[in-house]
Amino acid sequence: MTSPSSEEIQVNSEPKEAQNPPKRSFLAATYEELKLVVWPSRQQLFSESIAVILMVSLSAASIAAVSRFYGWGASQIFR
């Protein structure tokens, strides 16, 4: 018994893209995935947005403070 050659495999297995155009299958798959999404409520969206804004602001402030500290230290060393 011999194994099938690569030519036989390519002839026998027709790609699925030939059945559906790639753009249409992509849009259909995207729509199916969007139906599975659990969307947040208005209250949840608002509270999580505030939490993100607060954490980004605190992170930016701490990075600015560290940067100013190192800048001050460098100015003291390299007068």
PDB file of N, CA and C in Angstrom:
ATOM      1  N   MET A   1       0.850  -1.171   0.000  1.00  0.00           N
ATOM      2  CA  MET A   1       0.000   0.000   0.000  1.00  0.00           C
ATOM      3  C   MET A   1       0.902   1.243   0.000  1.00  0.00           C
ATOM      4  N   THR A   2       0.615   2.203  -0.839  1.00  0.00           N
ATOM      5  CA  THR A   2       1.413   3.422  -0.925  1.00  0.00           C
ATOM      6  C   THR A   2       0.615   4.596  -0.392  1.00  0.00           C
ATOM      7  N   SER A   3       1.354   5.563   0.124  1.00  0.00           N
ATOM      8  CA  SER A   3       0.679   6.764   0.615  1.00  0.00           C
ATOM      9  C   SER A   3       0.411   7.693  -0.556  1.00  0.00           C
ATOM     10  N   PRO A   4      -0.621   8.514  -0.454  1.00  0.00           N
ATOM     11  CA  PRO A   4      -0.941   9.404  -1.579  1.00  0.00           C
ATOM     12  C   PRO A   4       0.135  10.475  -1.743  1.00  0.00           C
ATOM     13  N   SER A   5       0.374  10.831  -2.977  1.00  0.00           N
ATOM     14  CA  SER A   5       1.365  11.870  -3.255  1.00  0.00           C
ATOM     15  C   SER A   5       0.758  13.243  -2.955  1.00  0.00           C
ATOM     16  N   SER A   6       1.617  14.241  -2.913  1.00  0.00           N
ATOM     17  CA  SER A   6       1.134  15.588  -2.612  1.00  0.00           C
ATOM     18  C   SER A   6       0.195  16.100  -3.700  1.00  0.00           C
ATOM     19  N   GLU A   7       0.402  15.660  -4.947  1.00  0.00           N
ATOM     20  CA  GLU A   7      -0.492  16.081  -6.028  1.00  0.00           C
ATOM     21  C   GLU A   7      -1.892  15.526  -5.822  1.00  0.00           C
ATOM     22  N   GLU A   8      -1.974  14.263  -5.388  1.00  0.00           N
ATOM     23  CA  GLU A   8      -3.277  13.650  -5.145  1.00  0.00           C
ATOM     24  C   GLU A   8      -4.001  14.331  -3.992  1.00  0.00           C
ATOM     25  N   ILE A   9      -3.254  14.709  -2.980  1.00  0.00           N
ATOM     26  CA  ILE A   9      -3.865  15.387  -1.830  1.00  0.00           C
ATOM     27  C   ILE A   9      -4.416  16.738  -2.249  1.00  0.00           C
ATOM     28  N   GLN A  10      -3.664  17.484  -3.054  1.00  0.00           N
ATOM     29  CA  GLN A  10      -4.111  18.804  -3.484  1.00  0.00           C
ATOM     30  C   GLN A  10      -5.346  18.703  -4.375  1.00  0.00           C
ATOM     31  N   VAL A  11      -5.427  17.690  -5.199  1.00  0.00           N
ATOM     32  CA  VAL A  11      -6.576  17.521  -6.082  1.00  0.00           C
ATOM     33  C   VAL A  11      -7.803  17.140  -5.273  1.00  0.00           C
ATOM     34  N   ASN A  12      -7.631  16.274  -4.284  1.00  0.00           N
ATOM     35  CA  ASN A  12      -8.760  15.778  -3.510  1.00  0.00           C
ATOM     36  C   ASN A  12      -9.292  16.778  -2.496  1.00  0.00           C
ATOM     37  N   SER A  13      -8.441  17.608  -1.974  1.00  0.00           N
ATOM     38  CA  SER A  13      -8.899  18.553  -0.948  1.00  0.00           C
ATOM     39  C   SER A  13      -9.053  19.938  -1.563  1.00  0.00           C
ATOM     40  N   GLU A  14     -10.276  20.311  -1.829  1.00  0.00           N
ATOM     41  CA  GLU A  14     -10.568  21.629  -2.390  1.00  0.00           C
ATOM     42  C   GLU A  14     -10.659  22.620  -1.242  1.00  0.00           C
ATOM     43  N   PRO A  15      -9.982  23.771  -1.343  1.00  0.00           N
ATOM     44  CA  PRO A  15     -10.012  24.729  -0.234  1.00  0.00           C
ATOM     45  C   PRO A  15     -11.421  25.273   0.012  1.00  0.00           C
ATOM     46  N   LYS A  16     -11.700  25.573   1.274  1.00  0.00           N
ATOM     47  CA  LYS A  16     -13.023  26.094   1.623  1.00  0.00           C
ATOM     48  C   LYS A  16     -13.234  27.507   1.088  1.00  0.00           C
ATOM     49  N   GLU A  17     -12.132  28.228   0.848  1.00  0.00           N
ATOM     50  CA  GLU A  17     -12.256  29.588   0.326  1.00  0.00           C
ATOM     51  C   GLU A  17     -12.883  29.586  -1.074  1.00  0.00           C
ATOM     52  N   ALA A  18     -12.717  28.475  -1.796  1.00  0.00           N
ATOM     53  CA  ALA A  18     -13.296  28.402  -3.127  1.00  0.00           C
ATOM     54  C   ALA A  18     -14.821  28.351  -3.043  1.00  0.00           C
ATOM     55  N   GLN A  19     -15.357  27.818  -1.953  1.00  0.00           N
ATOM     56  CA  GLN A  19     -16.797  27.744  -1.780  1.00  0.00           C
ATOM     57  C   GLN A  19     -17.369  29.111  -1.404  1.00  0.00           C
ATOM     58  N   ASN A  20     -16.733  29.818  -0.472  1.00  0.00           N
ATOM     59  CA  ASN A  20     -17.152  31.154  -0.043  1.00  0.00           C
ATOM     60  C   ASN A  20     -16.030  32.139  -0.324  1.00  0.00           C
ATOM     61  N   PRO A  21     -16.343  33.295  -0.856  1.00  0.00           N
ATOM     62  CA  PRO A  21     -15.284  34.302  -1.022  1.00  0.00           C
ATOM     63  C   PRO A  21     -14.723  34.678   0.345  1.00  0.00           C
ATOM     64  N   PRO A  22     -13.418  34.977   0.439  1.00  0.00           N
ATOM     65  CA  PRO A  22     -12.800  35.276   1.735  1.00  0.00           C
ATOM     66  C   PRO A  22     -13.471  36.431   2.476  1.00  0.00           C
ATOM     67  N   LYS A  23     -13.855  37.483   1.763  1.00  0.00           N
ATOM     68  CA  LYS A  23     -14.469  38.632   2.426  1.00  0.00           C
ATOM     69  C   LYS A  23     -15.805  38.248   3.045  1.00  0.00           C
ATOM     70  N   ARG A  24     -16.602  37.493   2.327  1.00  0.00           N
ATOM     71  CA  ARG A  24     -17.916  37.100   2.839  1.00  0.00           C
ATOM     72  C   ARG A  24     -17.786  36.169   4.042  1.00  0.00           C
ATOM     73  N   SER A  25     -16.866  35.216   3.973  1.00  0.00           N
ATOM     74  CA  SER A  25     -16.705  34.294   5.091  1.00  0.00           C
ATOM     75  C   SER A  25     -16.156  35.028   6.306  1.00  0.00           C
ATOM     76  N   PHE A  26     -15.281  36.014   6.091  1.00  0.00           N
ATOM     77  CA  PHE A  26     -14.756  36.805   7.200  1.00  0.00           C
ATOM     78  C   PHE A  26     -15.878  37.590   7.873  1.00  0.00           C
ATOM     79  N   LEU A  27     -16.713  38.245   7.077  1.00  0.00           N
ATOM     80  CA  LEU A  27     -17.806  39.031   7.646  1.00  0.00           C
ATOM     81  C   LEU A  27     -18.819  38.145   8.365  1.00  0.00           C
ATOM     82  N   ALA A  28     -19.093  36.982   7.810  1.00  0.00           N
ATOM     83  CA  ALA A  28     -20.026  36.057   8.450  1.00  0.00           C
ATOM     84  C   ALA A  28     -19.461  35.563   9.780  1.00  0.00           C
ATOM     85  N   ALA A  29     -18.174  35.231   9.796  1.00  0.00           N
ATOM     86  CA  ALA A  29     -17.537  34.771  11.036  1.00  0.00           C
ATOM     87  C   ALA A  29     -17.500  35.892  12.066  1.00  0.00           C
ATOM     88  N   THR A  30     -17.248  37.115  11.615  1.00  0.00           N
ATOM     89  CA  THR A  30     -17.232  38.254  12.526  1.00  0.00           C
ATOM     90  C   THR A  30     -18.610  38.472  13.137  1.00  0.00           C
ATOM     91  N   TYR A  31     -19.645  38.383  12.332  1.00  0.00           N
ATOM     92  CA  TYR A  31     -21.014  38.550  12.827  1.00  0.00           C
ATOM     93  C   TYR A  31     -21.359  37.461  13.842  1.00  0.00           C
ATOM     94  N   GLU A  32     -20.962  36.232  13.565  1.00  0.00           N
ATOM     95  CA  GLU A  32     -21.225  35.130  14.494  1.00  0.00           C
ATOM     96  C   GLU A  32     -20.509  35.358  15.822  1.00  0.00           C
ATOM     97  N   GLU A  33     -19.276  35.854  15.784  1.00  0.00           N
ATOM     98  CA  GLU A  33     -18.538  36.127  17.024  1.00  0.00           C
ATOM     99  C   GLU A  33     -19.170  37.275  17.798  1.00  0.00           C
ATOM    100  N   LEU A  34     -19.639  38.303  17.101  1.00  0.00           N
ATOM    101  CA  LEU A  34     -20.260  39.442  17.778  1.00  0.00           C
ATOM    102  C   LEU A  34     -21.561  39.053  18.468  1.00  0.00           C
ATOM    103  N   LYS A  35     -22.226  38.021  17.971  1.00  0.00           N
ATOM    104  CA  LYS A  35     -23.440  37.554  18.635  1.00  0.00           C
ATOM    105  C   LYS A  35     -23.119  36.894  19.976  1.00  0.00           C
ATOM    106  N   LEU A  36     -21.868  36.437  20.160  1.00  0.00           N
ATOM    107  CA  LEU A  36     -21.469  35.771  21.397  1.00  0.00           C
ATOM    108  C   LEU A  36     -20.978  36.743  22.469  1.00  0.00           C
ATOM    109  N   VAL A  37     -20.763  38.005  22.103  1.00  0.00           N
ATOM    110  CA  VAL A  37     -20.229  38.994  23.042  1.00  0.00           C
ATOM    111  C   VAL A  37     -21.282  39.335  24.095  1.00  0.00           C
ATOM    112  N   VAL A  38     -20.830  39.411  25.349  1.00  0.00           N
ATOM    113  CA  VAL A  38     -21.705  39.864  26.434  1.00  0.00           C
ATOM    114  C   VAL A  38     -21.365  41.339  26.658  1.00  0.00           C
ATOM    115  N   TRP A  39     -22.268  42.212  26.248  1.00  0.00           N
ATOM    116  CA  TRP A  39     -22.018  43.639  26.324  1.00  0.00           C
ATOM    117  C   TRP A  39     -22.265  44.141  27.743  1.00  0.00           C
ATOM    118  N   PRO A  40     -21.443  45.095  28.237  1.00  0.00           N
ATOM    119  CA  PRO A  40     -21.630  45.607  29.597  1.00  0.00           C
ATOM    120  C   PRO A  40     -22.846  46.525  29.687  1.00  0.00           C
ATOM    121  N   SER A  41     -23.382  46.626  30.897  1.00  0.00           N
ATOM    122  CA  SER A  41     -24.487  47.553  31.118  1.00  0.00           C
ATOM    123  C   SER A  41     -23.938  48.978  31.152  1.00  0.00           C
ATOM    124  N   ARG A  42     -24.837  49.962  31.122  1.00  0.00           N
ATOM    125  CA  ARG A  42     -24.412  51.355  31.143  1.00  0.00           C
ATOM    126  C   ARG A  42     -23.668  51.671  32.448  1.00  0.00           C
ATOM    127  N   GLN A  43     -24.165  51.150  33.580  1.00  0.00           N
ATOM    128  CA  GLN A  43     -23.533  51.375  34.888  1.00  0.00           C
ATOM    129  C   GLN A  43     -22.133  50.757  34.921  1.00  0.00           C
ATOM    130  N   GLN A  44     -22.007  49.534  34.423  1.00  0.00           N
ATOM    131  CA  GLN A  44     -20.732  48.840  34.408  1.00  0.00           C
ATOM    132  C   GLN A  44     -19.735  49.574  33.500  1.00  0.00           C
ATOM    133  N   LEU A  45     -20.188  50.021  32.359  1.00  0.00           N
ATOM    134  CA  LEU A  45     -19.336  50.746  31.422  1.00  0.00           C
ATOM    135  C   LEU A  45     -18.822  52.036  32.050  1.00  0.00           C
ATOM    136  N   PHE A  46     -19.713  52.773  32.722  1.00  0.00           N
ATOM    137  CA  PHE A  46     -19.333  54.032  33.341  1.00  0.00           C
ATOM    138  C   PHE A  46     -18.320  53.809  34.466  1.00  0.00           C
ATOM    139  N   SER A  47     -18.592  52.857  35.368  1.00  0.00           N
ATOM    140  CA  SER A  47     -17.699  52.649  36.510  1.00  0.00           C
ATOM    141  C   SER A  47     -16.330  52.122  36.069  1.00  0.00           C
ATOM    142  N   GLU A  48     -16.295  51.238  35.081  1.00  0.00           N
ATOM    143  CA  GLU A  48     -15.014  50.729  34.610  1.00  0.00           C
ATOM    144  C   GLU A  48     -14.238  51.786  33.831  1.00  0.00           C
ATOM    145  N   SER A  49     -14.928  52.665  33.131  1.00  0.00           N
ATOM    146  CA  SER A  49     -14.257  53.767  32.436  1.00  0.00           C
ATOM    147  C   SER A  49     -13.618  54.716  33.436  1.00  0.00           C
ATOM    148  N   ILE A  50     -14.330  55.022  34.524  1.00  0.00           N
ATOM    149  CA  ILE A  50     -13.767  55.887  35.569  1.00  0.00           C
ATOM    150  C   ILE A  50     -12.536  55.231  36.187  1.00  0.00           C
ATOM    151  N   ALA A  51     -12.597  53.911  36.432  1.00  0.00           N
ATOM    152  CA  ALA A  51     -11.458  53.195  37.009  1.00  0.00           C
ATOM    153  C   ALA A  51     -10.243  53.257  36.083  1.00  0.00           C
ATOM    154  N   VAL A  52     -10.454  53.098  34.779  1.00  0.00           N
ATOM    155  CA  VAL A  52      -9.351  53.152  33.820  1.00  0.00           C
ATOM    156  C   VAL A  52      -8.752  54.549  33.778  1.00  0.00           C
ATOM    157  N   ILE A  53      -9.602  55.573  33.728  1.00  0.00           N
ATOM    158  CA  ILE A  53      -9.106  56.957  33.690  1.00  0.00           C
ATOM    159  C   ILE A  53      -8.313  57.276  34.957  1.00  0.00           C
ATOM    160  N   LEU A  54      -8.806  56.836  36.104  1.00  0.00           N
ATOM    161  CA  LEU A  54      -8.117  57.072  37.374  1.00  0.00           C
ATOM    162  C   LEU A  54      -6.756  56.379  37.397  1.00  0.00           C
ATOM    163  N   MET A  55      -6.695  55.119  36.983  1.00  0.00           N
ATOM    164  CA  MET A  55      -5.419  54.389  37.004  1.00  0.00           C
ATOM    165  C   MET A  55      -4.411  54.975  36.012  1.00  0.00           C
ATOM    166  N   VAL A  56      -4.874  55.396  34.851  1.00  0.00           N
ATOM    167  CA  VAL A  56      -3.966  56.004  33.876  1.00  0.00           C
ATOM    168  C   VAL A  56      -3.430  57.326  34.411  1.00  0.00           C
ATOM    169  N   SER A  57      -4.289  58.110  35.051  1.00  0.00           N
ATOM    170  CA  SER A  57      -3.858  59.386  35.628  1.00  0.00           C
ATOM    171  C   SER A  57      -2.845  59.176  36.748  1.00  0.00           C
ATOM    172  N   LEU A  58      -3.114  58.209  37.616  1.00  0.00           N
ATOM    173  CA  LEU A  58      -2.169  57.922  38.704  1.00  0.00           C
ATOM    174  C   LEU A  58      -0.840  57.399  38.167  1.00  0.00           C
ATOM    175  N   SER A  59      -0.884  56.573  37.165  1.00  0.00           N
ATOM    176  CA  SER A  59       0.350  56.058  36.561  1.00  0.00           C
ATOM    177  C   SER A  59       1.151  57.193  35.916  1.00  0.00           C
ATOM    178  N   ALA A  60       0.481  58.066  35.199  1.00  0.00           N
ATOM    179  CA  ALA A  60       1.169  59.192  34.557  1.00  0.00           C
ATOM    180  C   ALA A  60       1.778  60.112  35.602  1.00  0.00           C
ATOM    181  N   ALA A  61       1.049  60.360  36.700  1.00  0.00           N
ATOM    182  CA  ALA A  61       1.570  61.222  37.761  1.00  0.00           C
ATOM    183  C   ALA A  61       2.787  60.596  38.430  1.00  0.00           C
ATOM    184  N   SER A  62       2.756  59.283  38.670  1.00  0.00           N
ATOM    185  CA  SER A  62       3.898  58.637  39.313  1.00  0.00           C
ATOM    186  C   SER A  62       5.113  58.608  38.387  1.00  0.00           C
ATOM    187  N   ILE A  63       4.902  58.386  37.101  1.00  0.00           N
ATOM    188  CA  ILE A  63       6.022  58.417  36.151  1.00  0.00           C
ATOM    189  C   ILE A  63       6.602  59.818  36.065  1.00  0.00           C
ATOM    190  N   ALA A  64       5.747  60.846  36.060  1.00  0.00           N
ATOM    191  CA  ALA A  64       6.234  62.228  36.027  1.00  0.00           C
ATOM    192  C   ALA A  64       7.019  62.551  37.298  1.00  0.00           C
ATOM    193  N   ALA A  65       6.554  62.073  38.451  1.00  0.00           N
ATOM    194  CA  ALA A  65       7.260  62.333  39.708  1.00  0.00           C
ATOM    195  C   ALA A  65       8.639  61.677  39.714  1.00  0.00           C
ATOM    196  N   VAL A  66       8.720  60.441  39.274  1.00  0.00           N
ATOM    197  CA  VAL A  66      10.010  59.741  39.215  1.00  0.00           C
ATOM    198  C   VAL A  66      10.937  60.442  38.228  1.00  0.00           C
ATOM    199  N   SER A  67      10.399  60.873  37.091  1.00  0.00           N
ATOM    200  CA  SER A  67      11.209  61.562  36.092  1.00  0.00           C
ATOM    201  C   SER A  67      11.758  62.879  36.635  1.00  0.00           C
ATOM    202  N   ARG A  68      10.904  63.635  37.327  1.00  0.00           N
ATOM    203  CA  ARG A  68      11.373  64.895  37.921  1.00  0.00           C
ATOM    204  C   ARG A  68      12.420  64.644  39.004  1.00  0.00           C
ATOM    205  N   PHE A  69      12.231  63.582  39.791  1.00  0.00           N
ATOM    206  CA  PHE A  69      13.202  63.263  40.834  1.00  0.00           C
ATOM    207  C   PHE A  69      14.558  62.949  40.221  1.00  0.00           C
ATOM    208  N   TYR A  70      14.579  62.097  39.190  1.00  0.00           N
ATOM    209  CA  TYR A  70      15.844  61.763  38.545  1.00  0.00           C
ATOM    210  C   TYR A  70      16.441  62.980  37.835  1.00  0.00           C
ATOM    211  N   GLY A  71      15.592  63.835  37.277  1.00  0.00           N
ATOM    212  CA  GLY A  71      16.096  65.068  36.661  1.00  0.00           C
ATOM    213  C   GLY A  71      16.736  65.973  37.699  1.00  0.00           C
ATOM    214  N   TRP A  72      16.082  66.085  38.855  1.00  0.00           N
ATOM    215  CA  TRP A  72      16.647  66.888  39.936  1.00  0.00           C
ATOM    216  C   TRP A  72      17.966  66.283  40.412  1.00  0.00           C
ATOM    217  N   GLY A  73      17.997  64.971  40.586  1.00  0.00           N
ATOM    218  CA  GLY A  73      19.233  64.294  41.011  1.00  0.00           C
ATOM    219  C   GLY A  73      20.348  64.493  40.012  1.00  0.00           C
ATOM    220  N   ALA A  74      20.050  64.391  38.727  1.00  0.00           N
ATOM    221  CA  ALA A  74      21.064  64.594  37.698  1.00  0.00           C
ATOM    222  C   ALA A  74      21.576  66.015  37.704  1.00  0.00           C
ATOM    223  N   SER A  75      20.673  66.999  37.956  1.00  0.00           N
ATOM    224  CA  SER A  75      21.120  68.392  37.988  1.00  0.00           C
ATOM    225  C   SER A  75      21.994  68.668  39.210  1.00  0.00           C
ATOM    226  N   GLN A  76      21.777  67.948  40.284  1.00  0.00           N
ATOM    227  CA  GLN A  76      22.614  68.113  41.480  1.00  0.00           C
ATOM    228  C   GLN A  76      24.004  67.505  41.253  1.00  0.00           C
ATOM    229  N   ILE A  77      24.062  66.410  40.517  1.00  0.00           N
ATOM    230  CA  ILE A  77      25.337  65.740  40.276  1.00  0.00           C
ATOM    231  C   ILE A  77      26.136  66.456  39.190  1.00  0.00           C
ATOM    232  N   PHE A  78      25.497  66.877  38.121  1.00  0.00           N
ATOM    233  CA  PHE A  78      26.194  67.451  36.954  1.00  0.00           C
ATOM    234  C   PHE A  78      26.005  68.967  36.882  1.00  0.00           C
ATOM    235  N   ARG A  79      26.364  69.673  37.938  1.00  0.00           N
ATOM    236  CA  ARG A  79      26.242  71.136  37.944  1.00  0.00           C
ATOM    237  C   ARG A  79      27.229  71.778  37.053  1.00  0.00           C
TER     238      ARG A  79
END
